[in-house]
């Protein structure tokens, strides 16, 4: 099977799944690669490129309510992890919860502590361990921002009808679940 058999040719006028136009920036990149290397299957690029491009655009757009509150997305993720788990977490646990490095969590916690949104306390048994909890101000900020953030994200996603949103969510959940379970093997 050739790279384009069984799927539409990419390009500004081509239609993708469900007849949707494929005139996005990734289609142009894929078309250029197909011209240079017509023997290669660019199918993975069509998916991963679009996921990456959507993630970048969504990241720029969705953070508007957070910026108004003076928070970055990673800072909100830390506050959100503390709020949704409902208990103190160590910096290591916060790193796992937010898919961040330990150094990044340490830097963010310092900023959030200075702003009075989180408190750190030492462990009574191990002085190397810290426990982090939300302050009342931190909890109130998360509770105030979350509805606005969700409404903003819903507005961004309104370009897709509810069934399409559900289908996309299910496909992304399947992909994410499989990647989380198998990425270690791919790195080897």
Protein backbone atom coordinates (compact mmCIF):
# COMPACT_ATOMS: atom_id res chain seq x y z
CA UNK A 1 0.00 0.00 0.00
CA UNK A 2 1.35 3.44 -0.86
CA UNK A 3 1.37 6.23 1.74
CA UNK A 4 -1.84 7.79 0.47
CA UNK A 5 -3.86 4.69 -0.37
CA UNK A 6 -6.91 4.35 1.81
CA UNK A 7 -6.88 7.95 3.03
CA UNK A 8 -7.40 11.31 1.37
CA UNK A 9 -4.53 13.20 -0.13
CA UNK A 10 -3.55 16.08 2.12
CA UNK A 11 -3.89 19.61 0.86
CA UNK A 12 -5.94 22.73 1.11
CA UNK A 13 -8.89 21.32 -0.82
CA UNK A 14 -8.80 17.74 0.44
CA UNK A 15 -11.42 16.49 2.83
CA UNK A 16 -10.57 14.43 5.86
CA UNK A 17 -12.64 12.14 8.05
CA UNK A 18 -16.30 13.12 8.01
CA UNK A 19 -15.77 15.46 5.07
CA UNK A 20 -13.99 18.08 7.20
CA UNK A 21 -11.59 20.28 5.21
CA UNK A 22 -7.92 19.57 5.76
CA UNK A 23 -6.48 23.00 5.00
CA UNK A 24 -4.64 23.30 8.29
CA UNK A 25 -0.95 24.06 8.71
CA UNK A 26 -0.08 20.41 9.27
CA UNK A 27 -1.62 19.51 5.91
CA UNK A 28 0.79 21.91 4.23
CA UNK A 29 3.78 20.43 6.07
CA UNK A 30 2.69 16.89 5.24
CA UNK A 31 2.23 17.84 1.60
CA UNK A 32 5.75 19.24 1.47
CA UNK A 33 7.20 16.06 3.01
CA UNK A 34 5.22 13.90 0.60
CA UNK A 35 6.70 15.88 -2.30
CA UNK A 36 10.23 15.37 -0.95
CA UNK A 37 9.75 11.75 0.19
CA UNK A 38 6.69 10.28 -1.55
CA UNK A 39 7.73 6.79 -0.44
CA UNK A 40 7.27 7.59 3.28
CA UNK A 41 4.03 7.13 5.19
CA UNK A 42 3.31 10.53 6.75
CA UNK A 43 0.25 9.20 8.61
CA UNK A 44 1.89 9.46 12.04
CA UNK A 45 2.90 13.06 11.31
CA UNK A 46 -0.69 13.87 10.38
CA UNK A 47 -1.89 12.78 13.83
CA UNK A 48 1.00 13.79 16.08
CA UNK A 49 1.55 17.06 14.25
CA UNK A 50 -2.10 17.99 14.68
CA UNK A 51 -2.15 16.97 18.35
CA UNK A 52 0.96 19.08 18.97
CA UNK A 53 -0.37 22.07 17.02
CA UNK A 54 -3.75 21.90 18.78
CA UNK A 55 -1.99 21.65 22.15
CA UNK A 56 0.11 24.73 21.41
CA UNK A 57 -2.90 26.77 20.26
CA UNK A 58 -5.06 25.63 23.16
CA UNK A 59 -2.30 26.44 25.62
CA UNK A 60 -2.12 29.99 24.29
CA UNK A 61 -5.88 30.45 24.36
CA UNK A 62 -6.97 28.62 27.47
CA UNK A 63 -4.69 30.43 29.87
CA UNK A 64 -6.48 33.79 29.55
CA UNK A 65 -8.49 33.39 32.80
CA UNK A 66 -5.36 32.20 34.58
CA UNK A 67 -3.32 35.17 33.33
CA UNK A 68 -6.01 37.53 34.62
CA UNK A 69 -5.56 35.90 38.04
CA UNK A 70 -1.78 36.25 37.79
CA UNK A 71 -1.16 32.51 37.45
CA UNK A 72 0.61 30.40 34.88
CA UNK A 73 -0.86 27.05 33.80
CA UNK A 74 1.83 25.09 35.72
CA UNK A 75 1.15 27.10 38.89
CA UNK A 76 -2.58 26.49 38.54
CA UNK A 77 -1.89 22.78 38.01
CA UNK A 78 -0.03 22.66 41.34
CA UNK A 79 -2.80 24.50 43.16
CA UNK A 80 -5.39 22.32 41.45
CA UNK A 81 -3.60 19.12 42.47
CA UNK A 82 -3.64 20.23 46.10
CA UNK A 83 -7.31 21.21 45.87
CA UNK A 84 -8.60 18.11 44.09
CA UNK A 85 -6.70 15.62 46.25
CA UNK A 86 -7.89 17.41 49.37
CA UNK A 87 -4.77 16.83 51.42
CA UNK A 88 -1.13 17.78 51.80
CA UNK A 89 1.30 16.54 49.18
CA UNK A 90 5.07 16.37 49.10
CA UNK A 91 6.90 18.12 46.26
CA UNK A 92 7.64 14.68 44.76
CA UNK A 93 3.96 13.80 44.80
CA UNK A 94 3.13 17.15 43.22
CA UNK A 95 5.68 16.47 40.48
CA UNK A 96 3.96 13.15 39.70
CA UNK A 97 0.48 14.70 39.85
CA UNK A 98 1.41 17.52 37.47
CA UNK A 99 3.86 15.71 35.17
CA UNK A 100 6.57 18.21 36.13
CA UNK A 101 10.20 17.93 37.11
CA UNK A 102 11.17 18.24 40.75
CA UNK A 103 13.15 21.40 40.03
CA UNK A 104 10.17 23.03 38.30
CA UNK A 105 7.88 22.15 41.21
CA UNK A 106 10.37 23.59 43.71
CA UNK A 107 10.55 26.87 41.77
CA UNK A 108 6.77 27.15 41.45
CA UNK A 109 6.21 26.30 45.11
CA UNK A 110 8.59 29.06 46.12
CA UNK A 111 6.59 31.58 44.07
CA UNK A 112 3.24 30.32 45.35
CA UNK A 113 4.49 30.38 48.95
CA UNK A 114 5.66 33.99 48.54
CA UNK A 115 2.18 34.87 47.27
CA UNK A 116 0.57 33.22 50.31
CA UNK A 117 -1.25 30.56 48.27
CA UNK A 118 0.51 27.50 49.71
CA UNK A 119 2.29 26.64 52.95
CA UNK A 120 5.13 24.22 53.49
CA UNK A 121 5.84 22.35 56.69
CA UNK A 122 8.61 19.96 57.50
CA UNK A 123 8.05 16.30 58.23
CA UNK A 124 8.40 15.44 61.90
CA UNK A 125 10.21 12.17 61.10
CA UNK A 126 12.33 13.18 58.10
CA UNK A 127 13.64 16.74 57.90
CA UNK A 128 14.39 16.31 54.18
CA UNK A 129 10.69 15.95 53.40
CA UNK A 130 8.29 18.88 53.11
CA UNK A 131 4.52 18.76 53.06
CA UNK A 132 2.61 21.34 51.04
CA UNK A 133 -0.95 22.47 51.58
CA UNK A 134 -3.19 25.19 50.22
CA UNK A 135 -3.79 28.24 52.34
CA UNK A 136 -7.33 29.56 52.61
CA UNK A 137 -6.37 32.18 50.00
CA UNK A 138 -5.06 29.44 47.68
CA UNK A 139 -8.22 27.35 48.05
CA UNK A 140 -10.43 30.40 47.47
CA UNK A 141 -8.44 31.36 44.36
CA UNK A 142 -8.72 27.87 42.83
CA UNK A 143 -12.44 27.69 43.62
CA UNK A 144 -13.00 31.12 42.05
CA UNK A 145 -10.98 30.45 38.89
CA UNK A 146 -12.06 26.88 38.09
CA UNK A 147 -15.62 27.67 36.90
CA UNK A 148 -14.34 30.53 34.73
CA UNK A 149 -11.54 28.35 33.34
CA UNK A 150 -13.95 25.51 32.50
CA UNK A 151 -16.38 27.93 30.83
CA UNK A 152 -13.52 29.36 28.78
CA UNK A 153 -12.36 25.88 27.74
CA UNK A 154 -15.94 24.94 26.81
CA UNK A 155 -16.17 28.05 24.61
CA UNK A 156 -12.90 27.11 22.88
CA UNK A 157 -14.22 23.61 22.17
CA UNK A 158 -17.57 24.83 20.79
CA UNK A 159 -16.08 24.53 17.29
CA UNK A 160 -16.91 20.82 17.67
CA UNK A 161 -20.44 19.57 18.28
CA UNK A 162 -21.00 17.51 21.48
CA UNK A 163 -20.86 14.11 19.73
CA UNK A 164 -17.57 15.05 18.07
CA UNK A 165 -16.20 16.26 21.41
CA UNK A 166 -17.16 12.93 22.98
CA UNK A 167 -15.57 10.96 20.14
CA UNK A 168 -12.38 13.02 20.31
CA UNK A 169 -12.23 12.65 24.09
CA UNK A 170 -12.62 8.86 23.82
CA UNK A 171 -9.94 8.57 21.11
CA UNK A 172 -7.50 10.76 23.04
CA UNK A 173 -8.19 8.76 26.22
CA UNK A 174 -7.43 5.54 24.36
CA UNK A 175 -4.23 6.96 22.88
CA UNK A 176 -3.09 8.42 26.20
CA UNK A 177 -3.79 5.21 28.08
CA UNK A 178 -1.79 3.20 25.60
CA UNK A 179 1.08 5.69 25.52
CA UNK A 180 1.27 5.85 29.30
CA UNK A 181 1.44 2.08 29.40
CA UNK A 182 3.99 1.62 26.62
CA UNK A 183 6.29 4.63 26.36
CA UNK A 184 8.98 2.97 28.48
CA UNK A 185 9.26 0.16 25.94
CA UNK A 186 9.53 2.63 23.06
CA UNK A 187 12.39 4.50 24.74
CA UNK A 188 14.50 1.37 25.11
